[in-house]
């Protein structure tokens, strides 16, 4: 759990985002995560199996998306969602948006 949160913090602090190519997802900053989740699933992205966030993290995220990995308890509201397609992994970090829903802040593709 600590390693996951440290990885989340590293992504947020570096602001890293993957360069887009034809087979990579097109994500937009400030896009609601529920909307992103629907589009990613249509594109064949699936939640990483075995994710098991705490009830507290579910409450922070404000949704029941299967892709939720973890949320930071620091008060900043960062949450991470993980997807897999083929041999690629996609991590999406959200922050609270104007309507208290998670919106895309950054993402990484490996």
N, C-alpha and C. Protein backbone atom coordinates (compact mmCIF):
# COMPACT_ATOMS: atom_id res chain seq x y z
N UNK A 1 0.82 -1.18 0.00
CA UNK A 1 0.00 0.00 0.00
C UNK A 1 0.87 1.26 0.00
N UNK A 2 1.90 1.26 0.84
CA UNK A 2 2.79 2.41 0.90
C UNK A 2 3.50 2.60 -0.43
N UNK A 3 3.95 1.50 -1.04
CA UNK A 3 4.63 1.60 -2.34
C UNK A 3 3.70 2.17 -3.40
N UNK A 4 2.45 1.78 -3.37
CA UNK A 4 1.47 2.29 -4.33
C UNK A 4 1.27 3.79 -4.15
N UNK A 5 1.15 4.22 -2.90
CA UNK A 5 0.98 5.65 -2.64
C UNK A 5 2.22 6.45 -3.01
N UNK A 6 3.41 5.88 -2.79
CA UNK A 6 4.64 6.56 -3.20
C UNK A 6 4.72 6.67 -4.71
N UNK A 7 4.30 5.63 -5.41
CA UNK A 7 4.27 5.68 -6.88
C UNK A 7 3.29 6.73 -7.36
N UNK A 8 2.16 6.81 -6.71
CA UNK A 8 1.15 7.82 -7.04
C UNK A 8 1.71 9.22 -6.83
N UNK A 9 2.38 9.43 -5.73
CA UNK A 9 2.97 10.73 -5.44
C UNK A 9 4.04 11.09 -6.47
N UNK A 10 4.85 10.12 -6.88
CA UNK A 10 5.88 10.38 -7.89
C UNK A 10 5.27 10.82 -9.21
N UNK A 11 4.18 10.19 -9.60
CA UNK A 11 3.51 10.56 -10.85
C UNK A 11 2.98 11.98 -10.75
N UNK A 12 2.36 12.29 -9.63
CA UNK A 12 1.78 13.62 -9.46
C UNK A 12 2.85 14.69 -9.44
N UNK A 13 3.93 14.44 -8.71
CA UNK A 13 4.98 15.45 -8.58
C UNK A 13 5.72 15.69 -9.89
N UNK A 14 5.91 14.65 -10.68
CA UNK A 14 6.62 14.83 -11.94
C UNK A 14 5.70 15.31 -13.04
N UNK A 15 4.38 15.14 -12.85
CA UNK A 15 3.43 15.56 -13.89
C UNK A 15 3.61 14.76 -15.16
N UNK A 16 4.14 13.55 -15.04
CA UNK A 16 4.45 12.78 -16.23
C UNK A 16 3.20 12.32 -16.95
N UNK A 17 3.27 12.44 -18.24
CA UNK A 17 2.20 11.95 -19.10
C UNK A 17 2.87 11.29 -20.29
N UNK A 18 2.29 10.21 -20.74
CA UNK A 18 2.85 9.49 -21.88
C UNK A 18 2.55 10.23 -23.17
N UNK A 19 3.50 10.17 -24.09
CA UNK A 19 3.25 10.72 -25.42
C UNK A 19 2.23 9.84 -26.11
N UNK A 20 1.35 10.45 -26.87
CA UNK A 20 0.28 9.71 -27.51
C UNK A 20 0.73 9.12 -28.84
N UNK A 21 0.29 7.92 -29.12
CA UNK A 21 0.46 7.30 -30.42
C UNK A 21 -0.89 6.71 -30.81
N UNK A 22 -0.95 6.10 -31.98
CA UNK A 22 -2.22 5.62 -32.52
C UNK A 22 -2.93 4.64 -31.59
N UNK A 23 -2.18 3.78 -30.89
CA UNK A 23 -2.84 2.76 -30.07
C UNK A 23 -2.94 3.16 -28.59
N UNK A 24 -2.55 4.38 -28.24
CA UNK A 24 -2.63 4.83 -26.87
C UNK A 24 -3.92 5.60 -26.64
N UNK A 25 -4.43 5.55 -25.42
CA UNK A 25 -5.68 6.25 -25.14
C UNK A 25 -5.50 7.77 -25.20
N UNK A 26 -6.52 8.46 -25.62
CA UNK A 26 -6.47 9.92 -25.60
C UNK A 26 -7.22 10.38 -24.35
N UNK A 27 -6.48 10.93 -23.43
CA UNK A 27 -7.06 11.43 -22.18
C UNK A 27 -6.90 12.93 -22.14
N UNK A 28 -7.82 13.58 -21.48
CA UNK A 28 -7.78 15.02 -21.36
C UNK A 28 -7.75 15.43 -19.89
N UNK A 29 -6.87 16.35 -19.53
CA UNK A 29 -6.90 16.85 -18.16
C UNK A 29 -8.29 17.44 -17.84
N UNK A 30 -8.72 17.25 -16.62
CA UNK A 30 -10.00 17.73 -16.10
C UNK A 30 -11.22 16.94 -16.59
N UNK A 31 -11.00 15.85 -17.31
CA UNK A 31 -12.09 15.00 -17.77
C UNK A 31 -12.54 14.10 -16.61
N UNK A 32 -13.85 13.99 -16.36
CA UNK A 32 -14.33 13.15 -15.25
C UNK A 32 -13.91 11.68 -15.43
N UNK A 33 -13.45 11.06 -14.34
CA UNK A 33 -12.95 9.68 -14.40
C UNK A 33 -14.05 8.70 -14.82
N UNK A 34 -15.30 8.95 -14.44
CA UNK A 34 -16.36 8.04 -14.85
C UNK A 34 -16.51 8.03 -16.37
N UNK A 35 -16.38 9.17 -16.99
CA UNK A 35 -16.45 9.30 -18.45
C UNK A 35 -15.23 8.62 -19.10
N UNK A 36 -14.07 8.82 -18.51
CA UNK A 36 -12.84 8.20 -19.01
C UNK A 36 -12.94 6.68 -18.92
N UNK A 37 -13.45 6.18 -17.80
CA UNK A 37 -13.58 4.74 -17.59
C UNK A 37 -14.43 4.10 -18.68
N UNK A 38 -15.56 4.71 -19.01
CA UNK A 38 -16.44 4.18 -20.06
C UNK A 38 -15.70 4.10 -21.39
N UNK A 39 -15.02 5.19 -21.75
CA UNK A 39 -14.30 5.23 -23.02
C UNK A 39 -13.15 4.21 -23.06
N UNK A 40 -12.39 4.13 -21.97
CA UNK A 40 -11.28 3.18 -21.93
C UNK A 40 -11.77 1.75 -22.08
N UNK A 41 -12.85 1.41 -21.42
CA UNK A 41 -13.39 0.05 -21.52
C UNK A 41 -13.86 -0.25 -22.95
N UNK A 42 -14.44 0.73 -23.60
CA UNK A 42 -14.84 0.55 -25.01
C UNK A 42 -13.62 0.30 -25.90
N UNK A 43 -12.48 0.88 -25.52
CA UNK A 43 -11.25 0.73 -26.28
C UNK A 43 -10.47 -0.54 -25.90
N UNK A 44 -11.05 -1.35 -25.02
CA UNK A 44 -10.42 -2.61 -24.66
C UNK A 44 -9.56 -2.58 -23.41
N UNK A 45 -9.48 -1.45 -22.73
CA UNK A 45 -8.74 -1.36 -21.48
C UNK A 45 -9.58 -1.98 -20.37
N UNK A 46 -8.95 -2.77 -19.51
CA UNK A 46 -9.64 -3.43 -18.41
C UNK A 46 -8.96 -3.08 -17.09
N UNK A 47 -9.72 -3.01 -16.00
CA UNK A 47 -9.09 -2.77 -14.70
C UNK A 47 -8.07 -3.85 -14.40
N UNK A 48 -6.96 -3.47 -13.80
CA UNK A 48 -5.94 -4.44 -13.40
C UNK A 48 -6.59 -5.37 -12.38
N UNK A 49 -6.45 -6.68 -12.57
CA UNK A 49 -7.08 -7.62 -11.63
C UNK A 49 -6.47 -7.52 -10.23
N UNK A 50 -7.29 -7.80 -9.24
CA UNK A 50 -6.82 -7.90 -7.86
C UNK A 50 -6.72 -6.59 -7.11
N UNK A 51 -7.22 -5.50 -7.66
CA UNK A 51 -7.18 -4.24 -6.94
C UNK A 51 -8.15 -4.32 -5.77
N UNK A 52 -7.72 -3.86 -4.62
CA UNK A 52 -8.56 -3.97 -3.43
C UNK A 52 -8.38 -2.73 -2.55
N UNK A 53 -8.90 -1.59 -2.98
CA UNK A 53 -8.75 -0.39 -2.14
C UNK A 53 -9.56 -0.50 -0.86
N UNK A 54 -9.09 0.21 0.16
CA UNK A 54 -9.79 0.23 1.44
C UNK A 54 -11.13 0.96 1.31
N UNK A 55 -12.08 0.68 2.21
CA UNK A 55 -13.35 1.41 2.20
C UNK A 55 -13.13 2.93 2.30
N UNK A 56 -12.13 3.34 3.07
CA UNK A 56 -11.81 4.77 3.19
C UNK A 56 -11.42 5.35 1.82
N UNK A 57 -10.66 4.60 1.05
CA UNK A 57 -10.25 5.06 -0.28
C UNK A 57 -11.46 5.11 -1.22
N UNK A 58 -12.34 4.16 -1.11
CA UNK A 58 -13.58 4.19 -1.91
C UNK A 58 -14.38 5.46 -1.60
N UNK A 59 -14.45 5.78 -0.33
CA UNK A 59 -15.18 6.98 0.09
C UNK A 59 -14.51 8.23 -0.49
N UNK A 60 -13.18 8.30 -0.44
CA UNK A 60 -12.47 9.44 -1.00
C UNK A 60 -12.70 9.57 -2.50
N UNK A 61 -12.71 8.42 -3.20
CA UNK A 61 -12.89 8.43 -4.65
C UNK A 61 -14.30 8.85 -5.04
N UNK A 62 -15.27 8.47 -4.23
CA UNK A 62 -16.65 8.83 -4.52
C UNK A 62 -17.27 8.04 -5.66
N UNK A 63 -16.70 6.86 -5.96
CA UNK A 63 -17.27 6.02 -7.01
C UNK A 63 -16.96 4.56 -6.71
N UNK A 64 -17.52 3.67 -7.51
CA UNK A 64 -17.31 2.23 -7.33
C UNK A 64 -16.56 1.62 -8.50
N UNK A 65 -15.75 2.41 -9.20
CA UNK A 65 -15.03 1.90 -10.37
C UNK A 65 -14.07 0.78 -9.96
N UNK A 66 -14.09 -0.31 -10.72
CA UNK A 66 -13.23 -1.45 -10.43
C UNK A 66 -11.76 -1.14 -10.64
N UNK A 67 -11.45 -0.08 -11.36
CA UNK A 67 -10.07 0.28 -11.66
C UNK A 67 -9.39 1.08 -10.56
N UNK A 68 -10.13 1.47 -9.51
CA UNK A 68 -9.54 2.25 -8.42
C UNK A 68 -8.47 1.42 -7.71
N UNK A 69 -7.26 1.98 -7.62
CA UNK A 69 -6.16 1.31 -6.91
C UNK A 69 -6.03 1.83 -5.49
N UNK A 70 -5.97 3.17 -5.37
CA UNK A 70 -5.74 3.78 -4.06
C UNK A 70 -6.05 5.26 -4.13
N UNK A 71 -6.26 5.84 -2.95
CA UNK A 71 -6.40 7.29 -2.82
C UNK A 71 -5.50 7.75 -1.69
N UNK A 72 -4.94 8.91 -1.85
CA UNK A 72 -4.07 9.49 -0.84
C UNK A 72 -4.91 10.06 0.29
N UNK A 73 -4.50 9.82 1.50
CA UNK A 73 -5.19 10.36 2.66
C UNK A 73 -4.63 11.69 3.10
N UNK A 74 -3.88 12.37 2.23
CA UNK A 74 -3.20 13.61 2.61
C UNK A 74 -4.12 14.82 2.59
N UNK A 75 -5.32 14.67 2.08
CA UNK A 75 -6.22 15.80 1.98
C UNK A 75 -6.24 16.44 0.60
N UNK A 76 -5.28 16.08 -0.26
CA UNK A 76 -5.21 16.64 -1.60
C UNK A 76 -6.22 15.96 -2.53
N UNK A 77 -6.65 14.75 -2.18
CA UNK A 77 -7.67 14.08 -2.96
C UNK A 77 -7.17 13.30 -4.16
N UNK A 78 -5.87 13.02 -4.23
CA UNK A 78 -5.34 12.25 -5.35
C UNK A 78 -5.81 10.80 -5.28
N UNK A 79 -6.32 10.27 -6.40
CA UNK A 79 -6.67 8.86 -6.50
C UNK A 79 -6.03 8.30 -7.76
N UNK A 80 -5.72 7.01 -7.74
CA UNK A 80 -5.11 6.35 -8.89
C UNK A 80 -5.99 5.22 -9.37
N UNK A 81 -6.12 5.13 -10.68
CA UNK A 81 -6.89 4.08 -11.36
C UNK A 81 -5.95 3.37 -12.31
N UNK A 82 -5.98 2.02 -12.30
CA UNK A 82 -5.07 1.23 -13.14
C UNK A 82 -5.81 0.35 -14.11
N UNK A 83 -5.32 0.37 -15.35
CA UNK A 83 -5.91 -0.40 -16.45
C UNK A 83 -4.81 -1.18 -17.15
N UNK A 84 -5.24 -2.22 -17.87
CA UNK A 84 -4.32 -3.07 -18.63
C UNK A 84 -4.96 -3.40 -19.97
N UNK A 85 -4.14 -3.40 -21.02
CA UNK A 85 -4.60 -3.85 -22.34
C UNK A 85 -3.38 -4.44 -23.03
N UNK A 86 -3.51 -5.72 -23.39
CA UNK A 86 -2.36 -6.39 -23.97
C UNK A 86 -1.21 -6.35 -22.98
N UNK A 87 -0.05 -5.94 -23.44
CA UNK A 87 1.11 -5.85 -22.57
C UNK A 87 1.32 -4.47 -21.98
N UNK A 88 0.34 -3.59 -22.10
CA UNK A 88 0.50 -2.21 -21.61
C UNK A 88 -0.30 -1.97 -20.35
N UNK A 89 0.25 -1.11 -19.50
CA UNK A 89 -0.42 -0.69 -18.26
C UNK A 89 -0.63 0.81 -18.31
N UNK A 90 -1.81 1.24 -17.91
CA UNK A 90 -2.17 2.65 -17.89
C UNK A 90 -2.56 3.02 -16.46
N UNK A 91 -1.90 4.03 -15.92
CA UNK A 91 -2.24 4.56 -14.60
C UNK A 91 -2.80 5.96 -14.77
N UNK A 92 -3.96 6.22 -14.21
CA UNK A 92 -4.62 7.52 -14.31
C UNK A 92 -4.75 8.09 -12.90
N UNK A 93 -4.28 9.33 -12.72
CA UNK A 93 -4.37 10.01 -11.42
C UNK A 93 -5.43 11.09 -11.52
N UNK A 94 -6.30 11.12 -10.52
CA UNK A 94 -7.37 12.12 -10.49
C UNK A 94 -7.23 13.02 -9.27
N UNK A 95 -7.87 14.16 -9.36
CA UNK A 95 -8.01 15.10 -8.24
C UNK A 95 -9.49 15.50 -8.20
N UNK A 96 -9.96 16.02 -7.08
CA UNK A 96 -11.36 16.44 -7.03
C UNK A 96 -11.63 17.58 -8.02
N UNK A 97 -12.72 17.44 -8.75
CA UNK A 97 -13.12 18.46 -9.71
C UNK A 97 -14.11 19.44 -9.10
N UNK A 98 -14.64 20.32 -9.93
CA UNK A 98 -15.56 21.36 -9.44
C UNK A 98 -16.84 20.81 -8.80
N UNK A 99 -17.26 19.62 -9.19
CA UNK A 99 -18.47 19.03 -8.62
C UNK A 99 -18.13 17.91 -7.64
N UNK A 100 -16.90 17.97 -7.09
CA UNK A 100 -16.40 16.98 -6.13
C UNK A 100 -16.24 15.60 -6.73
N UNK A 101 -16.28 15.48 -8.05
CA UNK A 101 -16.01 14.19 -8.69
C UNK A 101 -14.56 14.18 -9.14
N UNK A 102 -13.98 12.99 -9.27
CA UNK A 102 -12.60 12.88 -9.70
C UNK A 102 -12.44 13.27 -11.16
N UNK A 103 -11.44 14.11 -11.43
CA UNK A 103 -11.12 14.49 -12.80
C UNK A 103 -9.66 14.18 -13.06
N UNK A 104 -9.33 13.87 -14.31
CA UNK A 104 -7.98 13.47 -14.69
C UNK A 104 -7.01 14.61 -14.41
N UNK A 105 -5.91 14.25 -13.72
CA UNK A 105 -4.83 15.19 -13.45
C UNK A 105 -3.62 14.81 -14.28
N UNK A 106 -3.30 13.51 -14.36
CA UNK A 106 -2.16 13.03 -15.14
C UNK A 106 -2.33 11.55 -15.41
N UNK A 107 -1.47 11.02 -16.26
CA UNK A 107 -1.50 9.58 -16.56
C UNK A 107 -0.13 9.13 -17.04
N UNK A 108 0.09 7.83 -16.92
CA UNK A 108 1.33 7.21 -17.42
C UNK A 108 0.95 5.95 -18.18
N UNK A 109 1.72 5.65 -19.17
CA UNK A 109 1.52 4.44 -19.97
C UNK A 109 2.84 3.71 -20.03
N UNK A 110 2.82 2.46 -19.63
CA UNK A 110 4.02 1.63 -19.67
C UNK A 110 3.74 0.36 -20.40
